[in-house]
Amino acid sequence: MTGSIHSRRFRALASVLIAAALGCAAVPAAAAAPPTDPGATQPEARHAAPNAAIQYWQAFAVLPGMDEKQRALVDNVTTGDLDPAAMALINSSANSLKQLHRGAAVRECDWGLHYEDGPMLLLPHLAKARDLSRLACLRARAEFQEGDAAAAVEDLADALTLARHGGQDATLIAILVQDAIEQMAIKVAASNLSGMKSPALQTFSNRLSQLPPGGSLKESAVKIERQFGLDWVIDQLKHVKPGENWQDRIGGIIGAGEGTPTFQELVKSGGDDVQNVIKRLEASRPYYEQIVPLFDLPPDQFHPRAEALFKQFATDPWGKMMLPDFAKVYDKHMSAEVRIAMLRAAVAVQEGGPDALKTIKDPAGGGTFEHHATPGGFELRSKFAVDGKPVTLTVGPSGS
């Protein structure tokens, strides 16, 4: 198994050498270049600004095709068997994972999204990012199994970086994909952390401390969702030309979401006059302003306040159609924030013992994480609870 994984590191080099052997003998570089006029003004070299998305899109372009069995393995990457089919998939992913590593080394990431498309904004990178990160986690599992923790933590850190880069555009769906990728990588890391030692531990700790900020509900999602949702629709309606049917401007979003009002229900509530519709939509704007300070509340206070606020504005069908219910995604995103902090804490405990927890805060309400020894590892427990159960991270063979 070892040879099959590590052979990926030499395939790209072999390809370059073959190309060089075939091409360079035919036309020497010096002969091919035209003479240079020393007095001529040479054009200034142009260098594009670093952008991780360029590397990621190259990774997406060479993602391997997957049969039904391999797709099932990728969909269950944290538990699937590392059998020959899995190893074949890992090896065929080498070029994609090489580009992933290059992208993760770049701080800036611009996916080139067209926010002017509003609710019809295309997000083709999210599904690709999820598949690519799954392959990174699959290879990390194989590397841990081989005892190559140094390579494994690089793959996991790359997956976590891609998650943050994918989520930083801050649409709700992007943030949820970010959270899902993080949870997958965290589970693989936790399952193998108890046997890890430095320098791999230190490398992992450094990579975790350097993760890009990603998307957050309070800092970015509220603003983005308002801009390409409510603001976009109002702007479209304000630019309706004389004789133009305003419904054609926004028809694609009406009734598109589950449980959202039909066009007939919207007209019945607000009439068919475009100015009246704009007025009704403008009345929803305070929701975005009032939800932001609620994110600073403790979780047990956030939920009732946020749910009440949404109900207040969702009584109007236009508000119900346009406004995101942040209370529905709060627990999932807060759990993700807590667990990434737990992973950092677990790495510190593995390296320095339980006393290391004194310097690491629980994002949910402050304080420190509880530490409980388990057979073969330990468990960290947060004060944040979902459905009455505290969020935990189990480090060891059954890490989750």
Protein backbone atom coordinates (compact mmCIF):
# COMPACT_ATOMS: atom_id res chain seq x y z
CA MET A 1 0.00 0.00 0.00
CA THR A 2 2.86 2.34 0.82
CA GLY A 3 4.29 2.29 -2.66
CA SER A 4 0.94 2.97 -4.28
CA ILE A 5 0.36 6.15 -2.24
CA HIS A 6 3.84 7.58 -2.34
CA SER A 7 4.27 6.92 -6.06
CA ARG A 8 1.96 9.89 -6.63
CA ARG A 9 4.76 12.23 -5.56
CA PHE A 10 6.91 11.27 -8.58
CA ARG A 11 4.36 11.03 -11.41
CA ALA A 12 4.30 14.74 -12.16
CA LEU A 13 8.12 14.87 -12.21
CA ALA A 14 8.25 11.90 -14.59
CA SER A 15 5.82 13.63 -16.95
CA VAL A 16 7.96 16.77 -16.98
CA LEU A 17 11.14 14.80 -17.71
CA ILE A 18 9.51 12.93 -20.58
CA ALA A 19 8.23 16.16 -22.09
CA ALA A 20 11.67 17.71 -21.75
CA ALA A 21 13.34 14.73 -23.40
CA LEU A 22 10.95 14.86 -26.36
CA GLY A 23 10.93 18.63 -26.88
CA CYS A 24 14.20 20.19 -25.86
CA ALA A 25 16.42 18.11 -28.17
CA ALA A 26 14.53 19.34 -31.24
CA VAL A 27 14.77 23.11 -30.70
CA PRO A 28 17.41 24.47 -28.32
CA ALA A 29 16.04 27.37 -26.30
CA ALA A 30 18.85 29.72 -27.35
CA ALA A 31 18.27 29.04 -31.06
CA ALA A 32 14.51 29.53 -30.77
CA ALA A 33 14.74 32.95 -29.11
CA PRO A 34 14.90 36.02 -31.41
CA PRO A 35 17.82 38.42 -30.98
CA THR A 36 17.31 41.13 -28.40
CA ASP A 37 17.88 44.80 -29.09
CA PRO A 38 19.71 46.13 -25.99
CA GLY A 39 18.30 49.61 -26.62
CA ALA A 40 14.68 48.52 -26.97
CA THR A 41 12.26 49.09 -24.11
CA GLN A 42 11.15 45.74 -22.77
CA PRO A 43 7.50 45.28 -21.74
CA GLU A 44 6.94 45.19 -18.02
CA ALA A 45 6.26 41.72 -16.70
CA ARG A 46 2.67 41.25 -15.60
CA HIS A 47 1.89 39.10 -12.61
CA ALA A 48 -1.65 38.25 -11.58
CA ALA A 49 -2.51 38.71 -7.94
CA PRO A 50 -2.31 35.42 -6.04
CA ASN A 51 -5.70 33.71 -6.03
CA ALA A 52 -6.27 30.28 -4.52
CA ALA A 53 -9.38 29.77 -6.65
CA ILE A 54 -7.23 29.44 -9.78
CA GLN A 55 -5.46 26.43 -8.29
CA TYR A 56 -8.71 24.97 -6.96
CA TRP A 57 -10.39 25.19 -10.37
CA GLN A 58 -7.45 23.29 -11.86
CA ALA A 59 -7.95 20.68 -9.14
CA PHE A 60 -11.66 20.46 -9.97
CA ALA A 61 -10.90 20.06 -13.68
CA VAL A 62 -8.91 16.86 -13.11
CA LEU A 63 -11.06 15.28 -10.43
CA PRO A 64 -11.26 11.55 -11.21
CA GLY A 65 -14.43 10.00 -12.50
CA MET A 66 -16.01 7.71 -9.93
CA ASP A 67 -18.01 4.54 -10.31
CA GLU A 68 -20.89 3.71 -7.99
CA LYS A 69 -18.68 2.00 -5.41
CA GLN A 70 -16.15 4.82 -5.34
CA ARG A 71 -18.90 7.43 -5.07
CA ALA A 72 -20.33 5.56 -2.07
CA LEU A 73 -16.86 5.53 -0.51
CA VAL A 74 -16.43 9.27 -1.00
CA ASP A 75 -19.89 9.91 0.44
CA ASN A 76 -18.87 7.94 3.56
CA VAL A 77 -15.24 8.98 3.63
CA THR A 78 -14.77 8.84 7.41
CA THR A 79 -15.84 5.21 7.75
CA GLY A 80 -15.41 3.47 4.37
CA ASP A 81 -12.95 0.61 4.00
CA LEU A 82 -9.49 1.43 2.69
CA ASP A 83 -9.64 -1.44 0.20
CA PRO A 84 -8.00 -1.67 -3.24
CA ALA A 85 -10.81 0.36 -4.79
CA ALA A 86 -10.19 3.12 -2.26
CA MET A 87 -6.46 3.05 -2.93
CA ALA A 88 -7.06 3.23 -6.68
CA LEU A 89 -9.26 6.27 -6.15
CA ILE A 90 -6.61 7.90 -3.96
CA ASN A 91 -3.93 7.37 -6.58
CA SER A 92 -6.13 8.71 -9.39
CA SER A 93 -6.72 11.84 -7.29
CA ALA A 94 -3.03 12.76 -7.06
CA ASN A 95 -3.13 15.64 -9.54
CA SER A 96 -6.25 17.15 -7.99
CA LEU A 97 -4.78 16.94 -4.51
CA LYS A 98 -1.53 18.51 -5.69
CA GLN A 99 -3.50 21.53 -6.93
CA LEU A 100 -5.48 21.55 -3.69
CA HIS A 101 -2.23 21.89 -1.76
CA ARG A 102 -1.13 24.76 -3.99
CA GLY A 103 -4.42 26.55 -3.52
CA ALA A 104 -4.36 26.09 0.24
CA ALA A 105 -0.96 27.83 0.34
CA VAL A 106 -2.52 31.06 -1.02
CA ARG A 107 -4.28 33.34 1.42
CA GLU A 108 -6.54 35.20 -1.00
CA CYS A 109 -9.39 33.40 -2.75
CA ASP A 110 -11.82 35.01 -5.20
CA TRP A 111 -14.27 32.65 -6.90
CA GLY A 112 -15.41 35.34 -9.31
CA LEU A 113 -19.07 35.07 -8.32
CA HIS A 114 -21.60 37.33 -9.99
CA TYR A 115 -23.62 38.75 -7.13
CA GLU A 116 -25.53 40.86 -9.60
CA ASP A 117 -27.44 37.67 -10.44
CA GLY A 118 -29.08 37.87 -7.03
CA PRO A 119 -30.97 34.75 -5.92
CA MET A 120 -30.02 33.06 -9.21
CA LEU A 121 -26.34 33.30 -8.29
CA LEU A 122 -24.44 30.21 -9.48
CA LEU A 123 -22.20 28.44 -6.95
CA PRO A 124 -20.64 25.62 -8.99
CA HIS A 125 -17.51 25.48 -6.85
CA LEU A 126 -19.24 24.23 -3.71
CA ALA A 127 -20.04 20.68 -4.83
CA LYS A 128 -16.56 20.36 -6.36
CA ALA A 129 -14.95 21.65 -3.17
CA ARG A 130 -16.83 19.09 -1.14
CA ASP A 131 -15.68 16.21 -3.38
CA LEU A 132 -12.09 17.43 -3.41
CA SER A 133 -11.98 17.76 0.37
CA ARG A 134 -13.45 14.28 0.74
CA LEU A 135 -10.63 12.88 -1.37
CA ALA A 136 -8.10 14.73 0.80
CA CYS A 137 -9.65 13.21 3.92
CA LEU A 138 -9.64 9.76 2.33
CA ARG A 139 -5.95 10.04 1.52
CA ALA A 140 -5.26 11.32 5.03
CA ARG A 141 -6.86 8.19 6.48
CA ALA A 142 -4.62 6.02 4.32
CA GLU A 143 -1.55 8.04 5.32
CA PHE A 144 -2.39 7.69 9.00
CA GLN A 145 -2.77 3.96 8.47
CA GLU A 146 0.70 3.86 6.93
CA GLY A 147 2.15 5.86 9.83
CA ASP A 148 2.77 8.96 7.73
CA ALA A 149 1.17 11.50 10.07
CA ALA A 150 3.14 14.37 8.52
CA ALA A 151 1.49 13.85 5.12
CA ALA A 152 -1.91 13.21 6.69
CA VAL A 153 -2.06 16.47 8.63
CA GLU A 154 -1.12 18.41 5.49
CA ASP A 155 -4.05 16.85 3.61
CA LEU A 156 -6.45 17.55 6.48
CA ALA A 157 -5.23 21.14 6.82
CA ASP A 158 -5.64 21.60 3.06
CA ALA A 159 -9.23 20.37 3.30
CA LEU A 160 -9.96 22.74 6.18
CA THR A 161 -8.43 25.65 4.26
CA LEU A 162 -10.56 24.84 1.21
CA ALA A 163 -13.61 24.77 3.48
CA ARG A 164 -12.83 28.28 4.72
CA HIS A 165 -12.06 29.55 1.23
CA GLY A 166 -15.35 28.13 -0.01
CA GLY A 167 -17.33 29.66 2.83
CA GLN A 168 -15.85 33.14 2.80
CA ASP A 169 -18.29 34.35 0.11
CA ALA A 170 -20.76 33.95 2.94
CA THR A 171 -23.95 32.83 1.30
CA LEU A 172 -25.80 30.59 3.74
CA ILE A 173 -25.31 27.55 1.51
CA ALA A 174 -21.57 28.26 1.27
CA ILE A 175 -21.27 28.51 5.04
CA LEU A 176 -23.14 25.23 5.50
CA VAL A 177 -20.81 23.51 3.01
CA GLN A 178 -17.87 25.01 4.91
CA ASP A 179 -19.24 23.56 8.14
CA ALA A 180 -19.81 20.12 6.58
CA ILE A 181 -16.27 19.90 5.21
CA GLU A 182 -14.82 20.97 8.54
CA GLN A 183 -16.77 18.34 10.45
CA MET A 184 -15.54 15.62 8.10
CA ALA A 185 -11.89 16.65 8.44
CA ILE A 186 -12.24 17.04 12.21
CA LYS A 187 -13.62 13.52 12.54
CA VAL A 188 -10.71 12.01 10.61
CA ALA A 189 -8.22 14.03 12.65
CA ALA A 190 -9.81 13.14 16.00
CA SER A 191 -9.81 9.43 15.17
CA ASN A 192 -6.05 9.48 14.64
CA LEU A 193 -4.84 12.22 16.97
CA SER A 194 -4.17 10.13 20.06
CA GLY A 195 -1.18 8.42 18.49
CA MET A 196 0.29 11.53 16.88
CA LYS A 197 3.53 13.09 18.03
CA SER A 198 5.62 16.11 17.07
CA PRO A 199 6.75 17.36 14.60
CA ALA A 200 3.42 16.39 12.95
CA LEU A 201 1.50 17.80 15.93
CA GLN A 202 3.32 21.11 15.73
CA THR A 203 2.79 21.29 11.98
CA PHE A 204 -0.93 20.64 12.42
CA SER A 205 -1.16 23.23 15.19
CA ASN A 206 0.53 25.82 12.98
CA ARG A 207 -1.74 25.08 10.02
CA LEU A 208 -4.85 25.33 12.22
CA SER A 209 -3.73 28.70 13.55
CA GLN A 210 -3.31 29.97 9.98
CA LEU A 211 -6.71 28.98 8.61
CA PRO A 212 -8.45 31.80 6.74
CA PRO A 213 -11.49 33.27 8.51
CA GLY A 214 -14.16 31.72 6.31
CA GLY A 215 -17.78 32.78 6.48
CA SER A 216 -19.76 33.60 9.62
CA LEU A 217 -23.43 34.23 10.21
CA LYS A 218 -22.96 37.51 12.03
CA GLU A 219 -20.03 39.06 10.20
CA SER A 220 -20.89 38.22 6.62
CA ALA A 221 -23.95 36.06 5.96
CA VAL A 222 -26.51 38.64 7.08
CA LYS A 223 -25.00 41.29 4.80
CA ILE A 224 -24.61 39.00 1.78
CA GLU A 225 -28.05 37.43 2.10
CA ARG A 226 -29.59 40.89 2.23
CA GLN A 227 -27.59 42.17 -0.71
CA PHE A 228 -28.29 39.39 -3.15
CA GLY A 229 -31.76 38.70 -1.80
CA LEU A 230 -33.91 41.57 -0.62
CA ASP A 231 -31.78 44.40 -2.07
CA TRP A 232 -31.55 42.66 -5.45
CA VAL A 233 -35.30 42.19 -5.74
CA ILE A 234 -36.03 45.79 -4.74
CA ASP A 235 -33.47 47.05 -7.25
CA GLN A 236 -35.01 44.92 -10.00
CA LEU A 237 -38.47 46.30 -9.29
CA LYS A 238 -37.22 49.89 -9.18
CA HIS A 239 -35.91 49.48 -12.73
CA VAL A 240 -39.13 48.18 -14.26
CA LYS A 241 -39.71 50.08 -17.52
CA PRO A 242 -43.11 51.50 -18.58
CA GLY A 243 -45.19 48.71 -20.06
CA GLU A 244 -42.89 45.99 -18.69
CA ASN A 245 -44.40 43.22 -16.56
CA TRP A 246 -42.62 43.50 -13.21
CA GLN A 247 -43.39 39.85 -12.48
CA ASP A 248 -41.00 38.81 -15.26
CA ARG A 249 -38.18 40.53 -13.39
CA ILE A 250 -38.39 38.34 -10.29
CA GLY A 251 -40.60 35.45 -11.39
CA GLY A 252 -37.78 32.92 -11.06
CA ILE A 253 -37.58 33.28 -7.30
CA ILE A 254 -41.30 33.18 -6.50
CA GLY A 255 -42.30 29.84 -5.03
CA ALA A 256 -38.75 28.50 -5.49
CA GLY A 257 -38.19 27.63 -1.83
CA GLU A 258 -39.98 24.96 0.12
CA GLY A 259 -42.90 26.43 2.04
CA THR A 260 -42.60 29.85 0.38
CA PRO A 261 -45.74 31.67 -0.83
CA THR A 262 -47.06 31.27 -4.37
CA PHE A 263 -47.41 34.27 -6.64
CA GLN A 264 -51.17 34.26 -6.08
CA GLU A 265 -50.67 34.45 -2.32
CA LEU A 266 -48.20 37.30 -2.72
CA VAL A 267 -50.53 39.32 -4.94
CA LYS A 268 -53.45 38.66 -2.63
CA SER A 269 -51.48 40.04 0.32
CA GLY A 270 -50.00 43.10 -1.35
CA GLY A 271 -51.80 43.77 -4.56
CA ASP A 272 -50.38 43.77 -8.06
CA ASP A 273 -48.92 47.28 -8.03
CA VAL A 274 -45.12 47.33 -8.25
CA GLN A 275 -44.75 50.36 -5.97
CA ASN A 276 -46.79 48.65 -3.29
CA VAL A 277 -44.65 45.52 -3.63
CA ILE A 278 -41.49 47.61 -3.19
CA LYS A 279 -43.02 49.19 -0.09
CA ARG A 280 -43.81 45.78 1.38
CA LEU A 281 -40.27 44.57 0.68
CA GLU A 282 -38.72 47.70 2.18
CA ALA A 283 -40.68 46.99 5.35
CA SER A 284 -38.67 43.77 5.73
CA ARG A 285 -35.31 45.53 5.83
CA PRO A 286 -35.21 46.07 9.64
CA TYR A 287 -35.05 42.29 10.08
CA TYR A 288 -31.44 42.26 8.91
CA GLU A 289 -30.52 45.12 11.20
CA GLN A 290 -32.17 43.61 14.25
CA ILE A 291 -30.83 40.06 13.82
CA VAL A 292 -27.15 41.09 13.96
CA PRO A 293 -26.90 42.01 17.68
CA LEU A 294 -28.71 38.79 18.61
CA PHE A 295 -25.65 36.78 17.57
CA ASP A 296 -23.84 38.26 20.58
CA LEU A 297 -26.33 36.68 22.98
CA PRO A 298 -25.72 33.35 24.72
CA PRO A 299 -27.21 30.47 22.70
CA ASP A 300 -30.11 29.94 25.12
CA GLN A 301 -31.13 33.57 24.62
CA PHE A 302 -30.44 33.74 20.90
CA HIS A 303 -32.96 31.10 19.87
CA PRO A 304 -36.16 32.54 21.36
CA ARG A 305 -35.24 36.09 20.32
CA ALA A 306 -34.28 35.12 16.76
CA GLU A 307 -37.33 32.90 16.28
CA ALA A 308 -39.63 35.66 17.51
CA LEU A 309 -37.99 38.20 15.22
CA PHE A 310 -38.39 35.98 12.16
CA LYS A 311 -42.04 35.31 12.95
CA GLN A 312 -42.64 39.04 13.31
CA PHE A 313 -41.50 39.72 9.74
CA ALA A 314 -42.62 36.42 8.21
CA THR A 315 -46.28 37.21 8.89
CA ASP A 316 -46.08 39.20 5.65
CA PRO A 317 -45.83 36.73 2.73
CA TRP A 318 -43.20 38.90 1.04
CA GLY A 319 -41.09 38.75 4.17
CA LYS A 320 -41.60 35.01 4.44
CA MET A 321 -40.40 34.56 0.87
CA MET A 322 -37.32 36.79 1.13
CA LEU A 323 -35.99 36.55 4.68
CA PRO A 324 -33.64 33.74 5.77
CA ASP A 325 -34.47 32.10 9.09
CA PHE A 326 -31.07 32.29 10.79
CA ALA A 327 -32.34 30.42 13.83
CA LYS A 328 -32.58 27.27 11.69
CA VAL A 329 -28.88 27.26 10.82
CA TYR A 330 -27.50 28.74 14.04
CA ASP A 331 -26.99 25.44 15.88
CA LYS A 332 -25.22 23.79 12.96
CA HIS A 333 -22.83 26.69 12.44
CA MET A 334 -22.19 27.23 16.16
CA SER A 335 -21.46 23.50 16.52
CA ALA A 336 -18.92 23.79 13.72
CA GLU A 337 -17.24 26.77 15.38
CA VAL A 338 -17.09 24.93 18.68
CA ARG A 339 -15.67 21.76 17.14
CA ILE A 340 -12.90 23.52 15.22
CA ALA A 341 -11.91 25.18 18.50
CA MET A 342 -12.06 21.74 20.13
CA LEU A 343 -9.72 20.36 17.46
CA ARG A 344 -7.20 23.09 18.23
CA ALA A 345 -7.60 22.30 21.92
CA ALA A 346 -7.21 18.56 21.31
CA VAL A 347 -3.94 19.11 19.44
CA ALA A 348 -2.69 21.25 22.33
CA VAL A 349 -3.71 18.58 24.87
CA GLN A 350 -2.04 15.84 22.85
CA GLU A 351 1.17 17.84 22.85
CA GLY A 352 1.11 19.47 26.29
CA GLY A 353 -1.43 17.63 28.43
CA PRO A 354 -4.80 18.75 29.86
CA ASP A 355 -3.30 21.90 31.38
CA ALA A 356 -3.11 23.29 27.83
CA LEU A 357 -6.89 23.76 27.96
CA LYS A 358 -6.51 26.68 30.35
CA THR A 359 -5.48 28.96 27.48
CA ILE A 360 -8.20 27.88 25.00
CA LYS A 361 -11.70 29.31 25.23
CA ASP A 362 -14.98 27.68 24.31
CA PRO A 363 -16.57 29.93 21.62
CA ALA A 364 -20.00 29.22 23.10
CA GLY A 365 -20.15 31.34 26.20
CA GLY A 366 -16.47 31.44 27.07
CA GLY A 367 -14.83 29.30 29.70
CA THR A 368 -12.80 26.21 28.90
CA PHE A 369 -13.70 22.80 27.54
CA GLU A 370 -14.26 19.92 29.93
CA HIS A 371 -11.69 17.11 29.64
CA HIS A 372 -12.49 13.46 30.29
CA ALA A 373 -10.06 10.58 29.82
CA THR A 374 -11.31 7.66 27.71
CA PRO A 375 -9.76 4.30 26.77
CA GLY A 376 -7.17 5.17 24.16
CA GLY A 377 -7.72 8.90 24.25
CA PHE A 378 -9.88 11.61 25.76
CA GLU A 379 -13.07 13.57 25.24
CA LEU A 380 -13.61 17.31 25.17
CA ARG A 381 -17.03 18.69 26.04
CA SER A 382 -18.50 22.13 25.38
CA LYS A 383 -21.12 24.07 27.28
CA PHE A 384 -22.95 24.45 23.98
CA ALA A 385 -25.73 21.90 23.60
CA VAL A 386 -27.88 20.89 20.64
CA ASP A 387 -31.18 19.15 21.38
CA GLY A 388 -30.13 18.96 25.02
CA LYS A 389 -26.82 17.18 24.30
CA PRO A 390 -23.46 18.93 24.75
CA VAL A 391 -21.23 19.18 21.69
CA THR A 392 -18.28 16.84 22.18
CA LEU A 393 -15.09 15.76 20.45
CA THR A 394 -13.80 12.27 21.13
CA VAL A 395 -10.10 11.80 20.45
CA GLY A 396 -9.07 8.22 19.82
CA PRO A 397 -9.99 5.27 17.62
CA SER A 398 -13.70 6.13 17.82
CA GLY A 399 -13.14 9.87 17.44
CA SER A 400 -16.18 11.86 16.33
